[in-house]
Amino acid sequence: MQDHEGHVLAVEADLEYWRTKRLEPRVLQLHRRGVVTLYDLLRAAAHISAPPIAASIAEHDIEGRIRALEDRLDDYIRGIGLASIDPPEHPSVIEDTRKERGDYDDFFRIAKPHHDGTLDERIARLEHELREYQRLLQVLMHALLEKGVVTAEQIERQRAFLAGRGAWNGALIVARAWVDPAFKQALLTRGRDAVRELNIPPGRLGKLGVAENTATLHNVVVCTLCSCYPHDLLGDPPWWYRDDSFKESVVRDPRGTLAHRFDLPLPESVEVRVHDSTSDVRWMVLPRRPAGTEGWSEEELARLVTIDALVGAAEALSPASIARTER
């Protein structure tokens, strides 16, 4: 990790987004609907203490502290996902928080703190804030369980569902970009910020670079130093992604590697561009939308996106290939 400032900025932005746009509006909405009262939360708070800061990381180990922050942020975001289970008597109550978020009236918008000071001071502040926000999340979950609004079985099912998303998250990102020009533009220019809107935890992402394939440009992703890949966002990479022979050949002869190793011949009129994924900037490819998919839903489109397509080793599947596999 070289760009400490970039990683800290990303954690600050993500933390405030998920606090002001997801967790606290849900708490307010649940209270307004009478699902959870303030007394319920205060009583639950008596049983919950803030999680400890990782004691094994030395104060001067800036990179270790940033990595720990990213891990804790990922746990926090996934925890918010667990809290998104709809109470049976109040369908969609948790997600209907646009008023509490201040989307309609600035008066209701939750204030954001200023992140100033030295890098070390900002890291220390983030460590404290994340502990407190995690505690609020745990208090909310404890209150929901105590009142019987949700059950432990429901939470475990939701946990398993979130853990199994993997590459499907990448497919959903691509499908949304295919049908929503505004989201696509945000994805290409701001990467990580755009992904938040799909409720996908970024994990240890740092910055997300998105390379768009066009009729005249084909992109392929490699990590020349190790195997940097947006695991938390897209799941596990293809097995060959870590292979040294692939790394050497795709850097030396990307067009030949795609043609001979992946059976993806590209005409000379198409430029092939290689992107080196690092610990500071993780890359994914936005493949071209296949012809014949007009009118398809996002879920149908997502089924056309493979792990190989997300790193540029393949095109998205065609409708015909999907039809053949379903026969």
C-alpha atoms as a PDB file:
ATOM      1  CA  MET A   1       0.000   0.000   0.000  1.00  0.00           C
ATOM      2  CA  GLN A   2       1.461   3.337  -1.063  1.00  0.00           C
ATOM      3  CA  ASP A   3      -1.502   5.718  -1.119  1.00  0.00           C
ATOM      4  CA  HIS A   4      -2.349   5.893   2.593  1.00  0.00           C
ATOM      5  CA  GLU A   5      -4.249   9.146   2.085  1.00  0.00           C
ATOM      6  CA  GLY A   6      -6.429   7.616  -0.637  1.00  0.00           C
ATOM      7  CA  HIS A   7      -7.350   4.628   1.526  1.00  0.00           C
ATOM      8  CA  VAL A   8      -8.235   6.828   4.509  1.00  0.00           C
ATOM      9  CA  LEU A   9     -10.336   9.141   2.326  1.00  0.00           C
ATOM     10  CA  ALA A  10     -12.222   6.102   1.011  1.00  0.00           C
ATOM     11  CA  VAL A  11     -12.938   4.812   4.534  1.00  0.00           C
ATOM     12  CA  GLU A  12     -14.114   8.266   5.644  1.00  0.00           C
ATOM     13  CA  ALA A  13     -16.457   8.599   2.662  1.00  0.00           C
ATOM     14  CA  ASP A  14     -17.858   5.066   2.971  1.00  0.00           C
ATOM     15  CA  LEU A  15     -18.338   5.299   6.719  1.00  0.00           C
ATOM     16  CA  GLU A  16     -20.341   8.509   6.463  1.00  0.00           C
ATOM     17  CA  TYR A  17     -22.381   7.239   3.524  1.00  0.00           C
ATOM     18  CA  TRP A  18     -23.465   4.053   5.307  1.00  0.00           C
ATOM     19  CA  ARG A  19     -24.093   5.892   8.570  1.00  0.00           C
ATOM     20  CA  THR A  20     -26.130   8.793   7.147  1.00  0.00           C
ATOM     21  CA  LYS A  21     -27.806   6.963   4.256  1.00  0.00           C
ATOM     22  CA  ARG A  22     -28.395   3.517   5.730  1.00  0.00           C
ATOM     23  CA  LEU A  23     -28.010   2.824   9.451  1.00  0.00           C
ATOM     24  CA  GLU A  24     -29.244   5.956  11.237  1.00  0.00           C
ATOM     25  CA  PRO A  25     -32.192   6.535   8.849  1.00  0.00           C
ATOM     26  CA  ARG A  26     -33.269   2.928   9.515  1.00  0.00           C
ATOM     27  CA  VAL A  27     -33.147   3.487  13.247  1.00  0.00           C
ATOM     28  CA  LEU A  28     -35.258   6.638  12.850  1.00  0.00           C
ATOM     29  CA  GLN A  29     -37.748   4.941  10.543  1.00  0.00           C
ATOM     30  CA  LEU A  30     -38.158   1.910  12.800  1.00  0.00           C
ATOM     31  CA  HIS A  31     -38.790   4.272  15.708  1.00  0.00           C
ATOM     32  CA  ARG A  32     -41.313   6.348  13.740  1.00  0.00           C
ATOM     33  CA  ARG A  33     -43.230   3.201  12.792  1.00  0.00           C
ATOM     34  CA  GLY A  34     -43.285   1.980  16.382  1.00  0.00           C
ATOM     35  CA  VAL A  35     -41.281  -1.133  15.546  1.00  0.00           C
ATOM     36  CA  VAL A  36     -38.517  -0.205  18.011  1.00  0.00           C
ATOM     37  CA  THR A  37     -38.846   2.478  20.689  1.00  0.00           C
ATOM     38  CA  LEU A  38     -36.083   4.600  22.189  1.00  0.00           C
ATOM     39  CA  TYR A  39     -36.587   2.695  25.434  1.00  0.00           C
ATOM     40  CA  ASP A  40     -35.962  -0.574  23.570  1.00  0.00           C
ATOM     41  CA  LEU A  41     -32.675   0.824  22.262  1.00  0.00           C
ATOM     42  CA  LEU A  42     -31.584   2.171  25.658  1.00  0.00           C
ATOM     43  CA  ARG A  43     -32.355  -1.147  27.324  1.00  0.00           C
ATOM     44  CA  ALA A  44     -30.423  -3.019  24.630  1.00  0.00           C
ATOM     45  CA  ALA A  45     -27.485  -0.603  24.955  1.00  0.00           C
ATOM     46  CA  ALA A  46     -27.028  -1.687  28.570  1.00  0.00           C
ATOM     47  CA  HIS A  47     -26.028  -5.139  27.298  1.00  0.00           C
ATOM     48  CA  ILE A  48     -23.724  -4.052  24.451  1.00  0.00           C
ATOM     49  CA  SER A  49     -20.227  -2.598  24.754  1.00  0.00           C
ATOM     50  CA  ALA A  50     -18.166  -1.184  21.914  1.00  0.00           C
ATOM     51  CA  PRO A  51     -15.857  -3.751  20.270  1.00  0.00           C
ATOM     52  CA  PRO A  52     -12.185  -3.352  21.249  1.00  0.00           C
ATOM     53  CA  ILE A  53      -9.528  -1.915  18.966  1.00  0.00           C
ATOM     54  CA  ALA A  54      -7.163  -4.581  17.637  1.00  0.00           C
ATOM     55  CA  ALA A  55      -4.415  -4.635  20.259  1.00  0.00           C
ATOM     56  CA  SER A  56      -1.876  -6.483  18.102  1.00  0.00           C
ATOM     57  CA  ILE A  57      -1.364  -3.537  15.715  1.00  0.00           C
ATOM     58  CA  ALA A  58       1.331  -1.071  16.759  1.00  0.00           C
ATOM     59  CA  GLU A  59       0.376   2.604  16.762  1.00  0.00           C
ATOM     60  CA  HIS A  60       3.142   3.446  14.278  1.00  0.00           C
ATOM     61  CA  ASP A  61       1.994   0.721  11.842  1.00  0.00           C
ATOM     62  CA  ILE A  62      -0.090   3.014   9.637  1.00  0.00           C
ATOM     63  CA  GLU A  63      -0.726   0.423   6.950  1.00  0.00           C
ATOM     64  CA  GLY A  64      -1.783  -2.194   9.501  1.00  0.00           C
ATOM     65  CA  ARG A  65      -4.193   0.249  11.144  1.00  0.00           C
ATOM     66  CA  ILE A  66      -5.678   1.214   7.771  1.00  0.00           C
ATOM     67  CA  ARG A  67      -6.143  -2.452   6.845  1.00  0.00           C
ATOM     68  CA  ALA A  68      -7.848  -3.056  10.180  1.00  0.00           C
ATOM     69  CA  LEU A  69     -10.125  -0.069   9.528  1.00  0.00           C
ATOM     70  CA  GLU A  70     -11.070  -1.462   6.123  1.00  0.00           C
ATOM     71  CA  ASP A  71     -11.835  -4.870   7.629  1.00  0.00           C
ATOM     72  CA  ARG A  72     -13.943  -3.322  10.376  1.00  0.00           C
ATOM     73  CA  LEU A  73     -15.753  -1.114   7.850  1.00  0.00           C
ATOM     74  CA  ASP A  74     -16.577  -4.194   5.785  1.00  0.00           C
ATOM     75  CA  ASP A  75     -17.968  -5.962   8.869  1.00  0.00           C
ATOM     76  CA  TYR A  76     -20.005  -2.849   9.675  1.00  0.00           C
ATOM     77  CA  ILE A  77     -21.515  -2.668   6.177  1.00  0.00           C
ATOM     78  CA  ARG A  78     -22.341  -6.378   6.167  1.00  0.00           C
ATOM     79  CA  GLY A  79     -23.941  -5.906   9.566  1.00  0.00           C
ATOM     80  CA  ILE A  80     -26.188  -3.224   8.121  1.00  0.00           C
ATOM     81  CA  GLY A  81     -27.138  -5.781   5.489  1.00  0.00           C
ATOM     82  CA  LEU A  82     -28.193  -8.148   8.277  1.00  0.00           C
ATOM     83  CA  ALA A  83     -30.382  -5.406   9.720  1.00  0.00           C
ATOM     84  CA  SER A  84     -32.220  -5.022   6.417  1.00  0.00           C
ATOM     85  CA  ILE A  85     -34.543  -7.968   7.039  1.00  0.00           C
ATOM     86  CA  ASP A  86     -38.143  -6.795   6.673  1.00  0.00           C
ATOM     87  CA  PRO A  87     -40.283  -7.312   9.792  1.00  0.00           C
ATOM     88  CA  PRO A  88     -43.333  -9.353   8.648  1.00  0.00           C
ATOM     89  CA  GLU A  89     -45.850  -6.845  10.036  1.00  0.00           C
ATOM     90  CA  HIS A  90     -44.003  -3.897   8.451  1.00  0.00           C
ATOM     91  CA  PRO A  91     -42.971  -4.891   4.900  1.00  0.00           C
ATOM     92  CA  SER A  92     -40.253  -2.721   3.346  1.00  0.00           C
ATOM     93  CA  VAL A  93     -40.132  -0.519   6.431  1.00  0.00           C
ATOM     94  CA  ILE A  94     -36.344  -0.587   6.682  1.00  0.00           C
ATOM     95  CA  GLU A  95     -35.588   0.434   3.114  1.00  0.00           C
ATOM     96  CA  ASP A  96     -38.236   3.176   2.969  1.00  0.00           C
ATOM     97  CA  THR A  97     -36.030   5.777   4.636  1.00  0.00           C
ATOM     98  CA  ARG A  98     -35.810   8.504   2.011  1.00  0.00           C
ATOM     99  CA  LYS A  99     -37.470  11.093   4.245  1.00  0.00           C
ATOM    100  CA  GLU A 100     -35.171  10.302   7.174  1.00  0.00           C
ATOM    101  CA  ARG A 101     -32.166  10.477   4.827  1.00  0.00           C
ATOM    102  CA  GLY A 102     -33.126  14.014   3.856  1.00  0.00           C
ATOM    103  CA  ASP A 103     -33.748  13.150   0.204  1.00  0.00           C
ATOM    104  CA  TYR A 104     -36.888  15.312   0.163  1.00  0.00           C
ATOM    105  CA  ASP A 105     -36.015  18.031   2.655  1.00  0.00           C
ATOM    106  CA  ASP A 106     -32.580  19.277   3.741  1.00  0.00           C
ATOM    107  CA  PHE A 107     -34.004  19.866   7.217  1.00  0.00           C
ATOM    108  CA  PHE A 108     -33.990  16.104   7.813  1.00  0.00           C
ATOM    109  CA  ARG A 109     -30.516  15.511   6.384  1.00  0.00           C
ATOM    110  CA  ILE A 110     -28.154  13.965   8.920  1.00  0.00           C
ATOM    111  CA  ALA A 111     -25.083  16.139   9.504  1.00  0.00           C
ATOM    112  CA  LYS A 112     -21.647  14.839   8.584  1.00  0.00           C
ATOM    113  CA  PRO A 113     -18.512  15.594  10.625  1.00  0.00           C
ATOM    114  CA  HIS A 114     -15.451  17.329   9.207  1.00  0.00           C
ATOM    115  CA  HIS A 115     -12.487  15.017   8.698  1.00  0.00           C
ATOM    116  CA  ASP A 116      -9.537  17.296   9.339  1.00  0.00           C
ATOM    117  CA  GLY A 117      -6.215  16.889  11.111  1.00  0.00           C
ATOM    118  CA  THR A 118      -3.127  14.825  10.381  1.00  0.00           C
ATOM    119  CA  LEU A 119      -3.353  11.367   8.863  1.00  0.00           C
ATOM    120  CA  ASP A 120      -2.651   9.775  12.248  1.00  0.00           C
ATOM    121  CA  GLU A 121      -5.355  11.895  13.930  1.00  0.00           C
ATOM    122  CA  ARG A 122      -7.891  10.974  11.257  1.00  0.00           C
ATOM    123  CA  ILE A 123      -7.085   7.266  11.604  1.00  0.00           C
ATOM    124  CA  ALA A 124      -7.521   7.493  15.387  1.00  0.00           C
ATOM    125  CA  ARG A 125     -10.856   9.288  14.913  1.00  0.00           C
ATOM    126  CA  LEU A 126     -12.035   6.647  12.451  1.00  0.00           C
ATOM    127  CA  GLU A 127     -11.066   3.861  14.862  1.00  0.00           C
ATOM    128  CA  HIS A 128     -13.197   5.491  17.563  1.00  0.00           C
ATOM    129  CA  GLU A 129     -16.157   6.283  15.276  1.00  0.00           C
ATOM    130  CA  LEU A 130     -16.265   2.802  13.769  1.00  0.00           C
ATOM    131  CA  ARG A 131     -16.349   1.247  17.235  1.00  0.00           C
ATOM    132  CA  GLU A 132     -19.268   3.473  18.222  1.00  0.00           C
ATOM    133  CA  TYR A 133     -21.201   2.910  14.990  1.00  0.00           C
ATOM    134  CA  GLN A 134     -20.702  -0.839  15.301  1.00  0.00           C
ATOM    135  CA  ARG A 135     -22.065  -0.617  18.812  1.00  0.00           C
ATOM    136  CA  LEU A 136     -25.166   1.228  17.560  1.00  0.00           C
ATOM    137  CA  LEU A 137     -25.693  -1.499  14.980  1.00  0.00           C
ATOM    138  CA  GLN A 138     -25.349  -4.215  17.625  1.00  0.00           C
ATOM    139  CA  VAL A 139     -27.785  -2.365  19.879  1.00  0.00           C
ATOM    140  CA  LEU A 140     -30.336  -2.208  17.061  1.00  0.00           C
ATOM    141  CA  MET A 141     -29.977  -5.919  16.277  1.00  0.00           C
ATOM    142  CA  HIS A 142     -30.242  -6.819  19.975  1.00  0.00           C
ATOM    143  CA  ALA A 143     -33.445  -4.762  20.288  1.00  0.00           C
ATOM    144  CA  LEU A 144     -34.963  -6.352  17.166  1.00  0.00           C
ATOM    145  CA  LEU A 145     -34.191  -9.833  18.510  1.00  0.00           C
ATOM    146  CA  GLU A 146     -35.434  -9.044  22.023  1.00  0.00           C
ATOM    147  CA  LYS A 147     -38.776  -7.809  20.683  1.00  0.00           C
ATOM    148  CA  GLY A 148     -39.130 -10.763  18.339  1.00  0.00           C
ATOM    149  CA  VAL A 149     -39.178  -8.517  15.263  1.00  0.00           C
ATOM    150  CA  VAL A 150     -36.619 -10.820  13.647  1.00  0.00           C
ATOM    151  CA  THR A 151     -35.345 -14.255  14.625  1.00  0.00           C
ATOM    152  CA  ALA A 152     -31.844 -15.669  14.883  1.00  0.00           C
ATOM    153  CA  GLU A 153     -32.698 -18.050  12.023  1.00  0.00           C
ATOM    154  CA  GLN A 154     -33.634 -15.123   9.769  1.00  0.00           C
ATOM    155  CA  ILE A 155     -30.355 -13.404  10.563  1.00  0.00           C
ATOM    156  CA  GLU A 156     -28.328 -16.524   9.765  1.00  0.00           C
ATOM    157  CA  ARG A 157     -30.145 -16.961   6.446  1.00  0.00           C
ATOM    158  CA  GLN A 158     -29.399 -13.346   5.583  1.00  0.00           C
ATOM    159  CA  ARG A 159     -25.755 -13.801   6.611  1.00  0.00           C
ATOM    160  CA  ALA A 160     -25.403 -16.834   4.333  1.00  0.00           C
ATOM    161  CA  PHE A 161     -27.066 -14.946   1.496  1.00  0.00           C
ATOM    162  CA  LEU A 162     -24.678 -11.992   1.803  1.00  0.00           C
ATOM    163  CA  ALA A 163     -21.636 -14.267   2.053  1.00  0.00           C
ATOM    164  CA  GLY A 164     -22.564 -16.071  -1.150  1.00  0.00           C
ATOM    165  CA  ARG A 165     -22.864 -13.034  -3.411  1.00  0.00           C
ATOM    166  CA  GLY A 166     -19.289 -13.085  -4.759  1.00  0.00           C
ATOM    167  CA  ALA A 167     -19.003 -12.668  -8.504  1.00  0.00           C
ATOM    168  CA  TRP A 168     -22.756 -12.050  -8.699  1.00  0.00           C
ATOM    169  CA  ASN A 169     -22.061  -8.581  -7.288  1.00  0.00           C
ATOM    170  CA  GLY A 170     -19.834  -7.842 -10.263  1.00  0.00           C
ATOM    171  CA  ALA A 171     -22.526  -9.076 -12.621  1.00  0.00           C
ATOM    172  CA  LEU A 172     -25.100  -6.811 -10.967  1.00  0.00           C
ATOM    173  CA  ILE A 173     -22.773  -3.819 -11.295  1.00  0.00           C
ATOM    174  CA  VAL A 174     -22.316  -4.498 -15.010  1.00  0.00           C
ATOM    175  CA  ALA A 175     -26.027  -5.067 -15.603  1.00  0.00           C
ATOM    176  CA  ARG A 176     -26.933  -1.789 -13.908  1.00  0.00           C
ATOM    177  CA  ALA A 177     -24.336   0.053 -16.026  1.00  0.00           C
ATOM    178  CA  TRP A 178     -25.834  -1.455 -19.193  1.00  0.00           C
ATOM    179  CA  VAL A 179     -29.324  -0.108 -18.452  1.00  0.00           C
ATOM    180  CA  ASP A 180     -28.589   3.096 -16.514  1.00  0.00           C
ATOM    181  CA  PRO A 181     -26.389   5.666 -18.328  1.00  0.00           C
ATOM    182  CA  ALA A 182     -26.103   7.891 -15.241  1.00  0.00           C
ATOM    183  CA  PHE A 183     -24.895   4.975 -13.107  1.00  0.00           C
ATOM    184  CA  LYS A 184     -22.487   3.923 -15.853  1.00  0.00           C
ATOM    185  CA  GLN A 185     -20.943   7.385 -15.990  1.00  0.00           C
ATOM    186  CA  ALA A 186     -20.594   7.453 -12.205  1.00  0.00           C
ATOM    187  CA  LEU A 187     -19.050   3.967 -12.246  1.00  0.00           C
ATOM    188  CA  LEU A 188     -16.460   4.906 -14.860  1.00  0.00           C
ATOM    189  CA  THR A 189     -15.514   8.180 -13.198  1.00  0.00           C
ATOM    190  CA  ARG A 190     -15.983   7.512  -9.481  1.00  0.00           C
ATOM    191  CA  GLY A 191     -15.950   3.716  -9.217  1.00  0.00           C
ATOM    192  CA  ARG A 192     -16.307   3.005  -5.534  1.00  0.00           C
ATOM    193  CA  ASP A 193     -18.820   5.804  -4.919  1.00  0.00           C
ATOM    194  CA  ALA A 194     -21.209   4.424  -7.543  1.00  0.00           C
ATOM    195  CA  VAL A 195     -21.058   0.881  -6.147  1.00  0.00           C
ATOM    196  CA  ARG A 196     -22.417   2.088  -2.795  1.00  0.00           C
ATOM    197  CA  GLU A 197     -25.809   2.743  -4.378  1.00  0.00           C
ATOM    198  CA  LEU A 198     -26.192  -1.001  -5.026  1.00  0.00           C
ATOM    199  CA  ASN A 199     -25.651  -1.837  -1.326  1.00  0.00           C
ATOM    200  CA  ILE A 200     -22.524  -3.842  -2.135  1.00  0.00           C
ATOM    201  CA  PRO A 201     -19.827  -3.812   0.588  1.00  0.00           C
ATOM    202  CA  PRO A 202     -16.515  -2.655  -0.959  1.00  0.00           C
ATOM    203  CA  GLY A 203     -14.240  -4.314   1.598  1.00  0.00           C
ATOM    204  CA  ARG A 204     -10.500  -3.637   1.246  1.00  0.00           C
ATOM    205  CA  LEU A 205     -10.989  -1.908  -2.045  1.00  0.00           C
ATOM    206  CA  GLY A 206      -9.057   1.348  -1.887  1.00  0.00           C
ATOM    207  CA  LYS A 207      -9.908   2.838  -5.277  1.00  0.00           C
ATOM    208  CA  LEU A 208     -11.908   0.993  -7.923  1.00  0.00           C
ATOM    209  CA  GLY A 209     -10.910   1.490 -11.534  1.00  0.00           C
ATOM    210  CA  VAL A 210     -13.453   0.448 -14.168  1.00  0.00           C
ATOM    211  CA  ALA A 211     -12.313   0.008 -17.781  1.00  0.00           C
ATOM    212  CA  GLU A 212     -15.043  -0.008 -20.427  1.00  0.00           C
ATOM    213  CA  ASN A 213     -14.809  -2.236 -23.487  1.00  0.00           C
ATOM    214  CA  THR A 214     -15.969  -0.624 -26.726  1.00  0.00           C
ATOM    215  CA  ALA A 215     -16.020  -1.488 -30.424  1.00  0.00           C
ATOM    216  CA  THR A 216     -12.446  -0.185 -30.723  1.00  0.00           C
ATOM    217  CA  LEU A 217     -10.982  -0.945 -27.271  1.00  0.00           C
ATOM    218  CA  HIS A 218     -10.690  -4.159 -25.249  1.00  0.00           C
ATOM    219  CA  ASN A 219      -9.364  -4.089 -21.676  1.00  0.00           C
ATOM    220  CA  VAL A 220      -7.745  -6.843 -19.654  1.00  0.00           C
ATOM    221  CA  VAL A 221      -6.727  -6.821 -15.983  1.00  0.00           C
ATOM    222  CA  VAL A 222      -3.620  -8.363 -14.428  1.00  0.00           C
ATOM    223  CA  CYS A 223      -1.705  -8.018 -11.176  1.00  0.00           C
ATOM    224  CA  THR A 224       1.966  -8.193 -12.070  1.00  0.00           C
ATOM    225  CA  LEU A 225       3.286  -8.163  -8.490  1.00  0.00           C
ATOM    226  CA  CYS A 226       0.987 -10.591  -6.676  1.00  0.00           C
ATOM    227  CA  SER A 227      -2.740 -11.238  -7.115  1.00  0.00           C
ATOM    228  CA  CYS A 228      -4.466  -7.942  -6.248  1.00  0.00           C
ATOM    229  CA  TYR A 229      -8.139  -8.212  -7.106  1.00  0.00           C
ATOM    230  CA  PRO A 230     -11.328  -6.669  -5.655  1.00  0.00           C
ATOM    231  CA  HIS A 231     -12.133  -9.900  -3.752  1.00  0.00           C
ATOM    232  CA  ASP A 232     -14.598  -8.297  -1.362  1.00  0.00           C
ATOM    233  CA  LEU A 233     -16.479  -6.759  -4.274  1.00  0.00           C
ATOM    234  CA  LEU A 234     -16.352  -9.489  -6.930  1.00  0.00           C
ATOM    235  CA  GLY A 235     -15.556 -12.686  -5.039  1.00  0.00           C
ATOM    236  CA  ASP A 236     -12.603 -14.895  -5.968  1.00  0.00           C
ATOM    237  CA  PRO A 237     -10.726 -14.327  -9.243  1.00  0.00           C
ATOM    238  CA  PRO A 238     -10.311 -17.064 -11.871  1.00  0.00           C
ATOM    239  CA  TRP A 239      -7.722 -19.685 -10.887  1.00  0.00           C
ATOM    240  CA  TRP A 240      -5.319 -18.621 -13.657  1.00  0.00           C
ATOM    241  CA  TYR A 241      -5.275 -14.995 -12.450  1.00  0.00           C
ATOM    242  CA  ARG A 242      -2.503 -15.866  -9.962  1.00  0.00           C
ATOM    243  CA  ASP A 243      -0.494 -17.884 -12.506  1.00  0.00           C
ATOM    244  CA  ASP A 244       2.922 -16.371 -13.329  1.00  0.00           C
ATOM    245  CA  SER A 245       2.830 -17.596 -16.913  1.00  0.00           C
ATOM    246  CA  PHE A 246      -0.421 -15.702 -17.493  1.00  0.00           C
ATOM    247  CA  LYS A 247       1.017 -12.523 -15.987  1.00  0.00           C
ATOM    248  CA  GLU A 248       4.150 -12.683 -18.112  1.00  0.00           C
ATOM    249  CA  SER A 249       2.366 -13.467 -21.355  1.00  0.00           C
ATOM    250  CA  VAL A 250      -0.467 -10.947 -21.024  1.00  0.00           C
ATOM    251  CA  VAL A 251       1.986  -8.116 -20.356  1.00  0.00           C
ATOM    252  CA  ARG A 252       4.293  -9.157 -23.191  1.00  0.00           C
ATOM    253  CA  ASP A 253       1.631 -10.064 -25.764  1.00  0.00           C
ATOM    254  CA  PRO A 254      -1.912  -9.293 -24.572  1.00  0.00           C
ATOM    255  CA  ARG A 255      -3.543  -9.821 -27.968  1.00  0.00           C
ATOM    256  CA  GLY A 256      -1.843 -13.176 -28.480  1.00  0.00           C
ATOM    257  CA  THR A 257      -2.615 -14.290 -24.914  1.00  0.00           C
ATOM    258  CA  LEU A 258      -6.318 -13.573 -25.346  1.00  0.00           C
ATOM    259  CA  ALA A 259      -6.407 -15.377 -28.678  1.00  0.00           C
ATOM    260  CA  HIS A 260      -4.402 -18.486 -27.798  1.00  0.00           C
ATOM    261  CA  ARG A 261      -5.070 -18.957 -24.093  1.00  0.00           C
ATOM    262  CA  PHE A 262      -8.689 -17.803 -23.917  1.00  0.00           C
ATOM    263  CA  ASP A 263      -9.894 -18.343 -27.484  1.00  0.00           C
ATOM    264  CA  LEU A 264     -10.698 -14.647 -27.793  1.00  0.00           C
ATOM    265  CA  PRO A 265      -9.231 -13.404 -31.087  1.00  0.00           C
ATOM    266  CA  LEU A 266      -9.567  -9.658 -31.552  1.00  0.00           C
ATOM    267  CA  PRO A 267      -9.206  -7.820 -34.876  1.00  0.00           C
ATOM    268  CA  GLU A 268      -6.218  -5.530 -35.377  1.00  0.00           C
ATOM    269  CA  SER A 269      -8.607  -2.573 -35.428  1.00  0.00           C
ATOM    270  CA  VAL A 270      -9.331  -3.158 -31.727  1.00  0.00           C
ATOM    271  CA  GLU A 271      -6.777  -1.769 -29.297  1.00  0.00           C
ATOM    272  CA  VAL A 272      -5.899  -4.072 -26.376  1.00  0.00           C
ATOM    273  CA  ARG A 273      -5.092  -2.232 -23.154  1.00  0.00           C
ATOM    274  CA  VAL A 274      -3.662  -3.906 -20.020  1.00  0.00           C
ATOM    275  CA  HIS A 275      -4.446  -2.547 -16.539  1.00  0.00           C
ATOM    276  CA  ASP A 276      -2.198  -3.442 -13.592  1.00  0.00           C
ATOM    277  CA  SER A 277      -4.265  -4.007 -10.454  1.00  0.00           C
ATOM    278  CA  THR A 278      -2.513  -2.908  -7.240  1.00  0.00           C
ATOM    279  CA  SER A 279      -3.280  -2.651  -3.540  1.00  0.00           C
ATOM    280  CA  ASP A 280      -4.200   1.003  -4.077  1.00  0.00           C
ATOM    281  CA  VAL A 281      -6.275   0.692  -7.262  1.00  0.00           C
ATOM    282  CA  ARG A 282      -8.208  -2.495  -8.047  1.00  0.00           C
ATOM    283  CA  TRP A 283      -9.521  -2.870 -11.587  1.00  0.00           C
ATOM    284  CA  MET A 284     -12.530  -4.513 -13.192  1.00  0.00           C
ATOM    285  CA  VAL A 285     -13.723  -4.546 -16.797  1.00  0.00           C
ATOM    286  CA  LEU A 286     -17.115  -3.325 -17.993  1.00  0.00           C
ATOM    287  CA  PRO A 287     -17.787  -5.693 -20.929  1.00  0.00           C
ATOM    288  CA  ARG A 288     -19.870  -4.738 -23.941  1.00  0.00           C
ATOM    289  CA  ARG A 289     -23.573  -5.483 -23.769  1.00  0.00           C
ATOM    290  CA  PRO A 290     -24.444  -8.393 -26.087  1.00  0.00           C
ATOM    291  CA  ALA A 291     -26.758  -7.789 -29.021  1.00  0.00           C
ATOM    292  CA  GLY A 292     -30.288  -9.121 -28.775  1.00  0.00           C
ATOM    293  CA  THR A 293     -30.772  -8.186 -25.116  1.00  0.00           C
ATOM    294  CA  GLU A 294     -33.059  -5.206 -25.595  1.00  0.00           C
ATOM    295  CA  GLY A 295     -35.801  -5.158 -22.983  1.00  0.00           C
ATOM    296  CA  TRP A 296     -34.025  -7.621 -20.681  1.00  0.00           C
ATOM    297  CA  SER A 297     -34.224  -7.074 -16.930  1.00  0.00           C
ATOM    298  CA  GLU A 298     -31.107  -6.402 -14.866  1.00  0.00           C
ATOM    299  CA  GLU A 299     -31.241  -9.897 -13.376  1.00  0.00           C
ATOM    300  CA  GLU A 300     -31.459 -11.454 -16.842  1.00  0.00           C
ATOM    301  CA  LEU A 301     -28.547  -9.332 -18.050  1.00  0.00           C
ATOM    302  CA  ALA A 302     -26.452 -10.211 -14.994  1.00  0.00           C
ATOM    303  CA  ARG A 303     -26.589 -13.894 -15.974  1.00  0.00           C
ATOM    304  CA  LEU A 304     -24.579 -13.008 -19.086  1.00  0.00           C
ATOM    305  CA  VAL A 305     -21.612 -11.714 -17.064  1.00  0.00           C
ATOM    306  CA  THR A 306     -18.913 -14.249 -16.153  1.00  0.00           C
ATOM    307  CA  ILE A 307     -15.883 -13.993 -13.888  1.00  0.00           C
ATOM    308  CA  ASP A 308     -13.637 -14.068 -16.963  1.00  0.00           C
ATOM    309  CA  ALA A 309     -15.558 -11.171 -18.524  1.00  0.00           C
ATOM    310  CA  LEU A 310     -14.977  -9.056 -15.403  1.00  0.00           C
ATOM    311  CA  VAL A 311     -11.212  -9.171 -16.018  1.00  0.00           C
ATOM    312  CA  GLY A 312     -11.351  -8.992 -19.811  1.00  0.00           C
ATOM    313  CA  ALA A 313     -10.489 -12.609 -20.610  1.00  0.00           C
ATOM    314  CA  ALA A 314     -13.864 -13.123 -22.286  1.00  0.00           C
ATOM    315  CA  GLU A 315     -16.813 -11.260 -23.703  1.00  0.00           C
ATOM    316  CA  ALA A 316     -20.167 -11.356 -21.951  1.00  0.00           C
ATOM    317  CA  LEU A 317     -22.216 -14.405 -22.885  1.00  0.00           C
ATOM    318  CA  SER A 318     -24.654 -14.167 -25.764  1.00  0.00           C
ATOM    319  CA  PRO A 319     -28.382 -14.867 -25.346  1.00  0.00           C
ATOM    320  CA  ALA A 320     -27.919 -17.927 -27.566  1.00  0.00           C
ATOM    321  CA  SER A 321     -25.253 -19.409 -25.277  1.00  0.00           C
ATOM    322  CA  ILE A 322     -27.523 -18.958 -22.257  1.00  0.00           C
ATOM    323  CA  ALA A 323     -30.367 -20.654 -24.114  1.00  0.00           C
ATOM    324  CA  ARG A 324     -28.138 -23.642 -24.965  1.00  0.00           C
ATOM    325  CA  THR A 325     -27.105 -24.170 -21.340  1.00  0.00           C
ATOM    326  CA  GLU A 326     -30.742 -24.161 -20.213  1.00  0.00           C
ATOM    327  CA  ARG A 327     -31.883 -26.852 -22.637  1.00  0.00           C
END
